[in-house]
């Protein structure tokens, strides 16, 4: 769906192509139920509105997130990108003044009204923040901590989990001989990959990334982007970024937000090459932002 001027309209497609050539995420009623299918919606956001006190932050958001794809959320500062991201793992519920209406459908239920075990949701929906935030513990304990808390070690060997998740985060070769050293001694890029490994260790389905490269140098950024492309083989990734080139490089789908509204959502190549909304084109061509 596209939100423009408070009205919902159906996403459009490049001229000369059909809907079958460019399916709207989540709109294919014949979508395969096979895990990992390109048409398998893992999170459905419906008519989401959010307030902090009297400030209306998110307006009538409708968004289908596809499983095992990378979805980028772009837009100028203050448009609601991070607020939307934090709604998906219920972090906004920690804010006393936050009020939410609408639906976020995950695992067959509206988690805004019936979250069930909120800690189980946060286990399944991992978060990586803008600034790396490793625990003041050893590299090993940064990974093992969540494993023990969620009792995953009863099924799998902790050493095996630590090694595998560090490999999945492309960090193992750099730290395998220093696992008992403090994580705070790692570089910024290594710390961010450690935080990604820490999220992976508790076996999530979805990984949320809130501007994960904004504090990193170009080399570290490149490693994180390569990692994102690897992660989507097993996980659904949703990334908030101010870097439009990054969104174009790593994402399969892109959502453009402005003033708390979802202006346009579609396949990344269509959003960047043939945007359907003038506001989207103005933003990606640098006329504002």
C-alpha atoms as a PDB file:
ATOM      1  CA  UNK A   1       0.000   0.000   0.000  1.00  0.00           C
ATOM      2  CA  UNK A   2       1.032   3.618  -0.506  1.00  0.00           C
ATOM      3  CA  UNK A   3       0.104   6.367   1.895  1.00  0.00           C
ATOM      4  CA  UNK A   4      -0.211   9.789   0.289  1.00  0.00           C
ATOM      5  CA  UNK A   5      -1.969  12.736   1.809  1.00  0.00           C
ATOM      6  CA  UNK A   6      -3.757  10.465   4.287  1.00  0.00           C
ATOM      7  CA  UNK A   7      -5.317   8.329   1.534  1.00  0.00           C
ATOM      8  CA  UNK A   8      -4.426   4.728   0.877  1.00  0.00           C
ATOM      9  CA  UNK A   9      -3.739   3.773  -2.687  1.00  0.00           C
ATOM     10  CA  UNK A  10      -2.502   0.591  -4.290  1.00  0.00           C
ATOM     11  CA  UNK A  11       1.180   0.428  -5.220  1.00  0.00           C
ATOM     12  CA  UNK A  12       1.869   0.960  -8.904  1.00  0.00           C
ATOM     13  CA  UNK A  13       4.467  -0.612 -11.136  1.00  0.00           C
ATOM     14  CA  UNK A  14       6.882   0.410 -13.905  1.00  0.00           C
ATOM     15  CA  UNK A  15       5.198   1.026 -17.214  1.00  0.00           C
ATOM     16  CA  UNK A  16       4.923  -1.992 -19.451  1.00  0.00           C
ATOM     17  CA  UNK A  17       5.051  -4.467 -16.553  1.00  0.00           C
ATOM     18  CA  UNK A  18       2.220  -6.331 -14.927  1.00  0.00           C
ATOM     19  CA  UNK A  19       1.435  -6.946 -11.274  1.00  0.00           C
ATOM     20  CA  UNK A  20       2.799 -10.447 -11.743  1.00  0.00           C
ATOM     21  CA  UNK A  21       6.154  -8.956 -12.748  1.00  0.00           C
ATOM     22  CA  UNK A  22       6.288  -6.724  -9.669  1.00  0.00           C
ATOM     23  CA  UNK A  23       4.098  -8.244  -6.923  1.00  0.00           C
ATOM     24  CA  UNK A  24       3.023  -6.070  -4.042  1.00  0.00           C
ATOM     25  CA  UNK A  25       4.494  -7.499  -0.840  1.00  0.00           C
ATOM     26  CA  UNK A  26       1.839  -9.593   0.854  1.00  0.00           C
ATOM     27  CA  UNK A  27      -0.842  -9.095  -1.793  1.00  0.00           C
ATOM     28  CA  UNK A  28      -0.477 -12.395  -3.612  1.00  0.00           C
ATOM     29  CA  UNK A  29      -3.338 -14.503  -2.266  1.00  0.00           C
ATOM     30  CA  UNK A  30      -1.785 -17.585  -3.820  1.00  0.00           C
ATOM     31  CA  UNK A  31       1.490 -17.048  -1.957  1.00  0.00           C
ATOM     32  CA  UNK A  32       3.302 -20.253  -1.223  1.00  0.00           C
ATOM     33  CA  UNK A  33       3.310 -21.420   2.385  1.00  0.00           C
ATOM     34  CA  UNK A  34       6.807 -22.772   1.938  1.00  0.00           C
ATOM     35  CA  UNK A  35       9.211 -21.194   4.457  1.00  0.00           C
ATOM     36  CA  UNK A  36      11.321 -18.585   2.768  1.00  0.00           C
ATOM     37  CA  UNK A  37       9.009 -18.056  -0.187  1.00  0.00           C
ATOM     38  CA  UNK A  38       9.333 -14.538  -1.623  1.00  0.00           C
ATOM     39  CA  UNK A  39       5.600 -14.016  -1.063  1.00  0.00           C
ATOM     40  CA  UNK A  40       5.487 -15.189   2.542  1.00  0.00           C
ATOM     41  CA  UNK A  41       4.511 -12.257   4.787  1.00  0.00           C
ATOM     42  CA  UNK A  42       6.123 -12.551   8.217  1.00  0.00           C
ATOM     43  CA  UNK A  43       4.865  -9.252   9.700  1.00  0.00           C
ATOM     44  CA  UNK A  44       1.755  -7.369   8.606  1.00  0.00           C
ATOM     45  CA  UNK A  45       1.247  -3.817   9.843  1.00  0.00           C
ATOM     46  CA  UNK A  46      -2.338  -2.599   9.467  1.00  0.00           C
ATOM     47  CA  UNK A  47      -3.643   0.931  10.078  1.00  0.00           C
ATOM     48  CA  UNK A  48      -0.961   1.598  12.699  1.00  0.00           C
ATOM     49  CA  UNK A  49      -1.154   4.897  14.553  1.00  0.00           C
ATOM     50  CA  UNK A  50       1.135   5.862  17.421  1.00  0.00           C
ATOM     51  CA  UNK A  51       1.253   8.777  19.835  1.00  0.00           C
ATOM     52  CA  UNK A  52       3.750   9.903  22.449  1.00  0.00           C
ATOM     53  CA  UNK A  53       1.495  11.892  24.716  1.00  0.00           C
ATOM     54  CA  UNK A  54      -0.415  14.242  22.406  1.00  0.00           C
ATOM     55  CA  UNK A  55       2.180  14.028  19.615  1.00  0.00           C
ATOM     56  CA  UNK A  56       0.890  11.912  16.728  1.00  0.00           C
ATOM     57  CA  UNK A  57       4.051  10.214  15.417  1.00  0.00           C
ATOM     58  CA  UNK A  58       2.839   7.449  13.064  1.00  0.00           C
ATOM     59  CA  UNK A  59      -0.181   7.884  10.796  1.00  0.00           C
ATOM     60  CA  UNK A  60      -2.141   4.942   9.318  1.00  0.00           C
ATOM     61  CA  UNK A  61       0.862   2.768   8.451  1.00  0.00           C
ATOM     62  CA  UNK A  62       0.141  -0.277   6.267  1.00  0.00           C
ATOM     63  CA  UNK A  63       3.136  -2.468   5.497  1.00  0.00           C
ATOM     64  CA  UNK A  64       3.769  -6.130   4.677  1.00  0.00           C
ATOM     65  CA  UNK A  65       7.248  -7.444   5.521  1.00  0.00           C
ATOM     66  CA  UNK A  66       8.349 -10.456   3.487  1.00  0.00           C
ATOM     67  CA  UNK A  67      10.205 -13.350   5.036  1.00  0.00           C
ATOM     68  CA  UNK A  68      13.915 -13.706   4.302  1.00  0.00           C
ATOM     69  CA  UNK A  69      14.127 -10.411   2.493  1.00  0.00           C
ATOM     70  CA  UNK A  70      15.873  -7.179   3.417  1.00  0.00           C
ATOM     71  CA  UNK A  71      13.495  -4.246   3.821  1.00  0.00           C
ATOM     72  CA  UNK A  72      14.978  -0.761   4.132  1.00  0.00           C
ATOM     73  CA  UNK A  73      13.083   2.115   5.741  1.00  0.00           C
ATOM     74  CA  UNK A  74      14.290   5.506   4.517  1.00  0.00           C
ATOM     75  CA  UNK A  75      13.269   9.105   5.061  1.00  0.00           C
ATOM     76  CA  UNK A  76      14.475  12.355   6.629  1.00  0.00           C
ATOM     77  CA  UNK A  77      15.242  12.710  10.327  1.00  0.00           C
ATOM     78  CA  UNK A  78      12.169  12.733  12.530  1.00  0.00           C
ATOM     79  CA  UNK A  79       9.873  11.015  10.039  1.00  0.00           C
ATOM     80  CA  UNK A  80       9.133   8.035  12.325  1.00  0.00           C
ATOM     81  CA  UNK A  81      11.498   5.393  10.920  1.00  0.00           C
ATOM     82  CA  UNK A  82      12.987   4.284  14.236  1.00  0.00           C
ATOM     83  CA  UNK A  83       9.641   4.572  16.003  1.00  0.00           C
ATOM     84  CA  UNK A  84       8.128   2.166  13.469  1.00  0.00           C
ATOM     85  CA  UNK A  85      11.061  -0.218  13.890  1.00  0.00           C
ATOM     86  CA  UNK A  86      10.727  -0.217  17.673  1.00  0.00           C
ATOM     87  CA  UNK A  87       7.035  -0.963  17.377  1.00  0.00           C
ATOM     88  CA  UNK A  88       7.844  -4.295  15.749  1.00  0.00           C
ATOM     89  CA  UNK A  89       9.537  -5.689  18.862  1.00  0.00           C
ATOM     90  CA  UNK A  90       7.278  -3.808  21.291  1.00  0.00           C
ATOM     91  CA  UNK A  91      10.047  -1.581  22.651  1.00  0.00           C
ATOM     92  CA  UNK A  92       7.674   1.373  22.487  1.00  0.00           C
ATOM     93  CA  UNK A  93       5.544  -0.322  25.131  1.00  0.00           C
ATOM     94  CA  UNK A  94       8.269   0.595  27.604  1.00  0.00           C
ATOM     95  CA  UNK A  95       7.392   4.288  27.134  1.00  0.00           C
ATOM     96  CA  UNK A  96       4.625   5.295  29.553  1.00  0.00           C
ATOM     97  CA  UNK A  97       3.275   8.025  27.279  1.00  0.00           C
ATOM     98  CA  UNK A  98       3.083   5.790  24.207  1.00  0.00           C
ATOM     99  CA  UNK A  99      -0.328   4.873  22.808  1.00  0.00           C
ATOM    100  CA  UNK A 100      -0.732   2.603  19.782  1.00  0.00           C
ATOM    101  CA  UNK A 101      -3.765   1.722  17.705  1.00  0.00           C
ATOM    102  CA  UNK A 102      -3.995  -0.629  14.761  1.00  0.00           C
ATOM    103  CA  UNK A 103      -2.443  -4.037  14.248  1.00  0.00           C
ATOM    104  CA  UNK A 104       0.983  -5.617  14.016  1.00  0.00           C
ATOM    105  CA  UNK A 105       0.282  -9.198  13.002  1.00  0.00           C
ATOM    106  CA  UNK A 106       3.081 -11.634  13.874  1.00  0.00           C
ATOM    107  CA  UNK A 107       2.660 -15.383  14.279  1.00  0.00           C
ATOM    108  CA  UNK A 108      -1.055 -15.078  13.617  1.00  0.00           C
ATOM    109  CA  UNK A 109      -1.957 -12.525  16.292  1.00  0.00           C
ATOM    110  CA  UNK A 110      -1.967  -8.793  16.859  1.00  0.00           C
ATOM    111  CA  UNK A 111       0.997  -8.401  19.206  1.00  0.00           C
ATOM    112  CA  UNK A 112      -0.078  -4.869  20.148  1.00  0.00           C
ATOM    113  CA  UNK A 113      -3.130  -6.273  21.934  1.00  0.00           C
ATOM    114  CA  UNK A 114      -2.153  -9.898  22.601  1.00  0.00           C
ATOM    115  CA  UNK A 115       1.636  -9.991  22.831  1.00  0.00           C
ATOM    116  CA  UNK A 116       1.743 -13.225  24.799  1.00  0.00           C
ATOM    117  CA  UNK A 117       5.223 -13.606  26.293  1.00  0.00           C
ATOM    118  CA  UNK A 118       6.830 -10.271  25.446  1.00  0.00           C
ATOM    119  CA  UNK A 119      10.312 -11.688  26.106  1.00  0.00           C
ATOM    120  CA  UNK A 120       9.675 -14.476  23.625  1.00  0.00           C
ATOM    121  CA  UNK A 121       8.794 -11.860  20.991  1.00  0.00           C
ATOM    122  CA  UNK A 122      12.005  -9.966  21.699  1.00  0.00           C
ATOM    123  CA  UNK A 123      13.908 -13.220  21.399  1.00  0.00           C
ATOM    124  CA  UNK A 124      12.359 -13.870  17.983  1.00  0.00           C
ATOM    125  CA  UNK A 125      12.684 -10.248  16.874  1.00  0.00           C
ATOM    126  CA  UNK A 126      16.250  -9.162  17.582  1.00  0.00           C
ATOM    127  CA  UNK A 127      17.453  -5.554  17.591  1.00  0.00           C
ATOM    128  CA  UNK A 128      20.808  -4.039  16.617  1.00  0.00           C
ATOM    129  CA  UNK A 129      21.138  -0.385  17.578  1.00  0.00           C
ATOM    130  CA  UNK A 130      22.831   2.576  15.950  1.00  0.00           C
ATOM    131  CA  UNK A 131      25.737   2.614  18.388  1.00  0.00           C
ATOM    132  CA  UNK A 132      27.403  -0.728  19.225  1.00  0.00           C
ATOM    133  CA  UNK A 133      26.486  -1.696  22.781  1.00  0.00           C
ATOM    134  CA  UNK A 134      28.452  -4.784  23.818  1.00  0.00           C
ATOM    135  CA  UNK A 135      28.176  -5.870  27.422  1.00  0.00           C
ATOM    136  CA  UNK A 136      31.220  -5.060  29.624  1.00  0.00           C
ATOM    137  CA  UNK A 137      32.064  -8.738  29.573  1.00  0.00           C
ATOM    138  CA  UNK A 138      34.279 -11.030  27.536  1.00  0.00           C
ATOM    139  CA  UNK A 139      33.569 -11.652  23.876  1.00  0.00           C
ATOM    140  CA  UNK A 140      32.496 -15.176  24.814  1.00  0.00           C
ATOM    141  CA  UNK A 141      30.136 -14.027  27.568  1.00  0.00           C
ATOM    142  CA  UNK A 142      28.499 -11.467  25.274  1.00  0.00           C
ATOM    143  CA  UNK A 143      27.223 -14.386  23.194  1.00  0.00           C
ATOM    144  CA  UNK A 144      26.679 -16.890  26.008  1.00  0.00           C
ATOM    145  CA  UNK A 145      24.645 -14.528  28.206  1.00  0.00           C
ATOM    146  CA  UNK A 146      21.498 -14.605  26.083  1.00  0.00           C
ATOM    147  CA  UNK A 147      21.924 -18.321  25.463  1.00  0.00           C
ATOM    148  CA  UNK A 148      21.786 -18.981  29.222  1.00  0.00           C
ATOM    149  CA  UNK A 149      18.915 -16.526  29.827  1.00  0.00           C
ATOM    150  CA  UNK A 150      16.749 -18.209  27.172  1.00  0.00           C
ATOM    151  CA  UNK A 151      17.962 -21.696  28.182  1.00  0.00           C
ATOM    152  CA  UNK A 152      19.039 -22.544  24.646  1.00  0.00           C
ATOM    153  CA  UNK A 153      22.096 -24.276  26.142  1.00  0.00           C
ATOM    154  CA  UNK A 154      19.855 -27.143  27.296  1.00  0.00           C
ATOM    155  CA  UNK A 155      19.570 -28.197  23.655  1.00  0.00           C
ATOM    156  CA  UNK A 156      22.869 -27.068  22.173  1.00  0.00           C
ATOM    157  CA  UNK A 157      26.422 -26.780  23.432  1.00  0.00           C
ATOM    158  CA  UNK A 158      27.261 -23.180  24.371  1.00  0.00           C
ATOM    159  CA  UNK A 159      30.733 -23.335  22.835  1.00  0.00           C
ATOM    160  CA  UNK A 160      29.189 -24.514  19.585  1.00  0.00           C
ATOM    161  CA  UNK A 161      26.653 -21.663  19.625  1.00  0.00           C
ATOM    162  CA  UNK A 162      29.337 -19.063  20.324  1.00  0.00           C
ATOM    163  CA  UNK A 163      31.516 -20.304  17.472  1.00  0.00           C
ATOM    164  CA  UNK A 164      28.693 -20.636  14.966  1.00  0.00           C
ATOM    165  CA  UNK A 165      27.131 -17.240  15.639  1.00  0.00           C
ATOM    166  CA  UNK A 166      30.504 -15.507  15.459  1.00  0.00           C
ATOM    167  CA  UNK A 167      31.042 -17.246  12.122  1.00  0.00           C
ATOM    168  CA  UNK A 168      27.589 -16.171  10.966  1.00  0.00           C
ATOM    169  CA  UNK A 169      28.497 -12.596  11.916  1.00  0.00           C
ATOM    170  CA  UNK A 170      31.796 -12.830   9.989  1.00  0.00           C
ATOM    171  CA  UNK A 171      33.781 -12.250  13.190  1.00  0.00           C
ATOM    172  CA  UNK A 172      35.107 -15.662  14.216  1.00  0.00           C
ATOM    173  CA  UNK A 173      38.444 -15.498  12.411  1.00  0.00           C
ATOM    174  CA  UNK A 174      39.185 -12.113  13.986  1.00  0.00           C
ATOM    175  CA  UNK A 175      38.422 -13.073  17.600  1.00  0.00           C
ATOM    176  CA  UNK A 176      38.757 -16.876  17.925  1.00  0.00           C
ATOM    177  CA  UNK A 177      42.038 -16.543  19.861  1.00  0.00           C
ATOM    178  CA  UNK A 178      40.785 -13.818  22.207  1.00  0.00           C
ATOM    179  CA  UNK A 179      37.331 -14.977  23.289  1.00  0.00           C
ATOM    180  CA  UNK A 180      38.044 -14.324  26.965  1.00  0.00           C
ATOM    181  CA  UNK A 181      39.167 -10.741  26.356  1.00  0.00           C
ATOM    182  CA  UNK A 182      36.843  -7.805  26.976  1.00  0.00           C
ATOM    183  CA  UNK A 183      34.461  -7.007  24.130  1.00  0.00           C
ATOM    184  CA  UNK A 184      35.112  -3.331  24.829  1.00  0.00           C
ATOM    185  CA  UNK A 185      38.578  -3.778  23.335  1.00  0.00           C
ATOM    186  CA  UNK A 186      37.176  -4.496  19.882  1.00  0.00           C
ATOM    187  CA  UNK A 187      36.969  -1.870  17.156  1.00  0.00           C
ATOM    188  CA  UNK A 188      33.630  -0.192  16.481  1.00  0.00           C
ATOM    189  CA  UNK A 189      32.927  -2.372  13.464  1.00  0.00           C
ATOM    190  CA  UNK A 190      33.854  -5.528  15.366  1.00  0.00           C
ATOM    191  CA  UNK A 191      31.644  -4.495  18.276  1.00  0.00           C
ATOM    192  CA  UNK A 192      28.706  -4.017  15.915  1.00  0.00           C
ATOM    193  CA  UNK A 193      29.228  -7.455  14.390  1.00  0.00           C
ATOM    194  CA  UNK A 194      29.473  -8.876  17.918  1.00  0.00           C
ATOM    195  CA  UNK A 195      26.102  -7.292  18.710  1.00  0.00           C
ATOM    196  CA  UNK A 196      24.695  -8.931  15.581  1.00  0.00           C
ATOM    197  CA  UNK A 197      26.162 -12.272  16.685  1.00  0.00           C
ATOM    198  CA  UNK A 198      24.628 -11.773  20.140  1.00  0.00           C
ATOM    199  CA  UNK A 199      21.220 -11.283  18.520  1.00  0.00           C
ATOM    200  CA  UNK A 200      21.678 -14.376  16.337  1.00  0.00           C
ATOM    201  CA  UNK A 201      22.628 -16.562  19.315  1.00  0.00           C
ATOM    202  CA  UNK A 202      19.050 -16.657  20.651  1.00  0.00           C
ATOM    203  CA  UNK A 203      17.740 -17.919  17.300  1.00  0.00           C
ATOM    204  CA  UNK A 204      15.534 -15.050  16.084  1.00  0.00           C
ATOM    205  CA  UNK A 205      13.405 -15.019  12.958  1.00  0.00           C
ATOM    206  CA  UNK A 206      13.706 -11.280  12.362  1.00  0.00           C
ATOM    207  CA  UNK A 207      16.601  -8.871  12.846  1.00  0.00           C
ATOM    208  CA  UNK A 208      15.882  -5.157  13.201  1.00  0.00           C
ATOM    209  CA  UNK A 209      18.762  -2.775  12.500  1.00  0.00           C
ATOM    210  CA  UNK A 210      18.503   0.886  13.457  1.00  0.00           C
ATOM    211  CA  UNK A 211      21.147   2.676  11.364  1.00  0.00           C
ATOM    212  CA  UNK A 212      23.767   0.016  12.199  1.00  0.00           C
ATOM    213  CA  UNK A 213      26.534   1.650  10.130  1.00  0.00           C
ATOM    214  CA  UNK A 214      26.083   5.325  10.952  1.00  0.00           C
ATOM    215  CA  UNK A 215      28.956   5.320  13.473  1.00  0.00           C
ATOM    216  CA  UNK A 216      31.288   3.134  11.408  1.00  0.00           C
ATOM    217  CA  UNK A 217      34.047   3.840   8.891  1.00  0.00           C
ATOM    218  CA  UNK A 218      33.652   2.804   5.223  1.00  0.00           C
ATOM    219  CA  UNK A 219      35.566  -0.486   5.649  1.00  0.00           C
ATOM    220  CA  UNK A 220      33.484  -1.553   8.649  1.00  0.00           C
ATOM    221  CA  UNK A 221      30.329  -0.438   6.848  1.00  0.00           C
ATOM    222  CA  UNK A 222      31.193  -2.625   3.867  1.00  0.00           C
ATOM    223  CA  UNK A 223      31.608  -5.650   6.141  1.00  0.00           C
ATOM    224  CA  UNK A 224      28.217  -5.039   7.771  1.00  0.00           C
ATOM    225  CA  UNK A 225      26.561  -4.687   4.352  1.00  0.00           C
ATOM    226  CA  UNK A 226      28.146  -7.926   3.147  1.00  0.00           C
ATOM    227  CA  UNK A 227      26.908  -9.562   6.335  1.00  0.00           C
ATOM    228  CA  UNK A 228      23.342  -8.323   5.758  1.00  0.00           C
ATOM    229  CA  UNK A 229      23.344  -9.939   2.316  1.00  0.00           C
ATOM    230  CA  UNK A 230      24.399 -13.226   3.928  1.00  0.00           C
ATOM    231  CA  UNK A 231      21.924 -13.005   6.791  1.00  0.00           C
ATOM    232  CA  UNK A 232      18.864 -12.816   4.544  1.00  0.00           C
ATOM    233  CA  UNK A 233      19.441 -16.447   3.556  1.00  0.00           C
ATOM    234  CA  UNK A 234      18.212 -17.410   7.026  1.00  0.00           C
ATOM    235  CA  UNK A 235      16.610 -14.305   8.530  1.00  0.00           C
ATOM    236  CA  UNK A 236      14.271 -11.451   7.750  1.00  0.00           C
ATOM    237  CA  UNK A 237      16.150  -8.151   8.037  1.00  0.00           C
ATOM    238  CA  UNK A 238      14.574  -4.712   8.461  1.00  0.00           C
ATOM    239  CA  UNK A 239      17.035  -1.838   8.378  1.00  0.00           C
ATOM    240  CA  UNK A 240      16.532   1.867   9.048  1.00  0.00           C
ATOM    241  CA  UNK A 241      19.073   3.982   7.214  1.00  0.00           C
ATOM    242  CA  UNK A 242      19.710   7.595   6.244  1.00  0.00           C
ATOM    243  CA  UNK A 243      22.099   6.351   3.565  1.00  0.00           C
ATOM    244  CA  UNK A 244      20.056   5.921   0.391  1.00  0.00           C
ATOM    245  CA  UNK A 245      22.985   4.325  -1.431  1.00  0.00           C
ATOM    246  CA  UNK A 246      23.156   1.744   1.329  1.00  0.00           C
ATOM    247  CA  UNK A 247      19.434   1.044   1.012  1.00  0.00           C
ATOM    248  CA  UNK A 248      19.878   0.564  -2.739  1.00  0.00           C
ATOM    249  CA  UNK A 249      22.818  -1.805  -2.195  1.00  0.00           C
ATOM    250  CA  UNK A 250      21.460  -4.117   0.489  1.00  0.00           C
ATOM    251  CA  UNK A 251      17.652  -4.127   0.364  1.00  0.00           C
ATOM    252  CA  UNK A 252      15.088  -6.029  -1.667  1.00  0.00           C
ATOM    253  CA  UNK A 253      12.223  -3.699  -0.681  1.00  0.00           C
ATOM    254  CA  UNK A 254      12.223  -0.072   0.405  1.00  0.00           C
ATOM    255  CA  UNK A 255       9.700   1.964   2.370  1.00  0.00           C
ATOM    256  CA  UNK A 256       9.892   5.764   2.200  1.00  0.00           C
ATOM    257  CA  UNK A 257       8.469   7.664   5.160  1.00  0.00           C
ATOM    258  CA  UNK A 258       7.788  11.373   5.579  1.00  0.00           C
ATOM    259  CA  UNK A 259       6.225  13.171   8.557  1.00  0.00           C
ATOM    260  CA  UNK A 260       5.068   9.904  10.097  1.00  0.00           C
ATOM    261  CA  UNK A 261       3.382   8.606   6.944  1.00  0.00           C
ATOM    262  CA  UNK A 262       4.348   5.776   4.631  1.00  0.00           C
ATOM    263  CA  UNK A 263       4.554   7.547   1.281  1.00  0.00           C
ATOM    264  CA  UNK A 264       5.676   4.697  -0.949  1.00  0.00           C
ATOM    265  CA  UNK A 265       6.663   1.049  -0.571  1.00  0.00           C
ATOM    266  CA  UNK A 266       7.840  -1.370  -3.203  1.00  0.00           C
ATOM    267  CA  UNK A 267      10.752  -3.235  -4.685  1.00  0.00           C
ATOM    268  CA  UNK A 268      13.946  -1.292  -4.176  1.00  0.00           C
ATOM    269  CA  UNK A 269      14.844  -0.976  -7.844  1.00  0.00           C
ATOM    270  CA  UNK A 270      11.405   0.477  -8.588  1.00  0.00           C
ATOM    271  CA  UNK A 271      11.552   2.956  -5.711  1.00  0.00           C
ATOM    272  CA  UNK A 272      14.958   4.270  -6.787  1.00  0.00           C
ATOM    273  CA  UNK A 273      14.610   4.050 -10.554  1.00  0.00           C
ATOM    274  CA  UNK A 274      10.922   4.778 -11.134  1.00  0.00           C
ATOM    275  CA  UNK A 275       9.277   6.188  -8.001  1.00  0.00           C
ATOM    276  CA  UNK A 276       5.560   6.692  -8.358  1.00  0.00           C
ATOM    277  CA  UNK A 277       5.179   9.494  -5.854  1.00  0.00           C
ATOM    278  CA  UNK A 278       6.654  12.943  -6.519  1.00  0.00           C
ATOM    279  CA  UNK A 279       7.623  13.251  -2.859  1.00  0.00           C
ATOM    280  CA  UNK A 280       9.655  10.036  -3.108  1.00  0.00           C
ATOM    281  CA  UNK A 281      11.460  11.268  -6.207  1.00  0.00           C
ATOM    282  CA  UNK A 282      12.231  14.603  -4.575  1.00  0.00           C
ATOM    283  CA  UNK A 283      13.756  12.847  -1.585  1.00  0.00           C
ATOM    284  CA  UNK A 284      15.900  10.303  -3.398  1.00  0.00           C
ATOM    285  CA  UNK A 285      17.177  12.971  -5.816  1.00  0.00           C
ATOM    286  CA  UNK A 286      18.293  15.146  -2.893  1.00  0.00           C
ATOM    287  CA  UNK A 287      15.802  17.998  -3.242  1.00  0.00           C
ATOM    288  CA  UNK A 288      15.163  17.768   0.488  1.00  0.00           C
ATOM    289  CA  UNK A 289      16.137  15.600   3.407  1.00  0.00           C
END
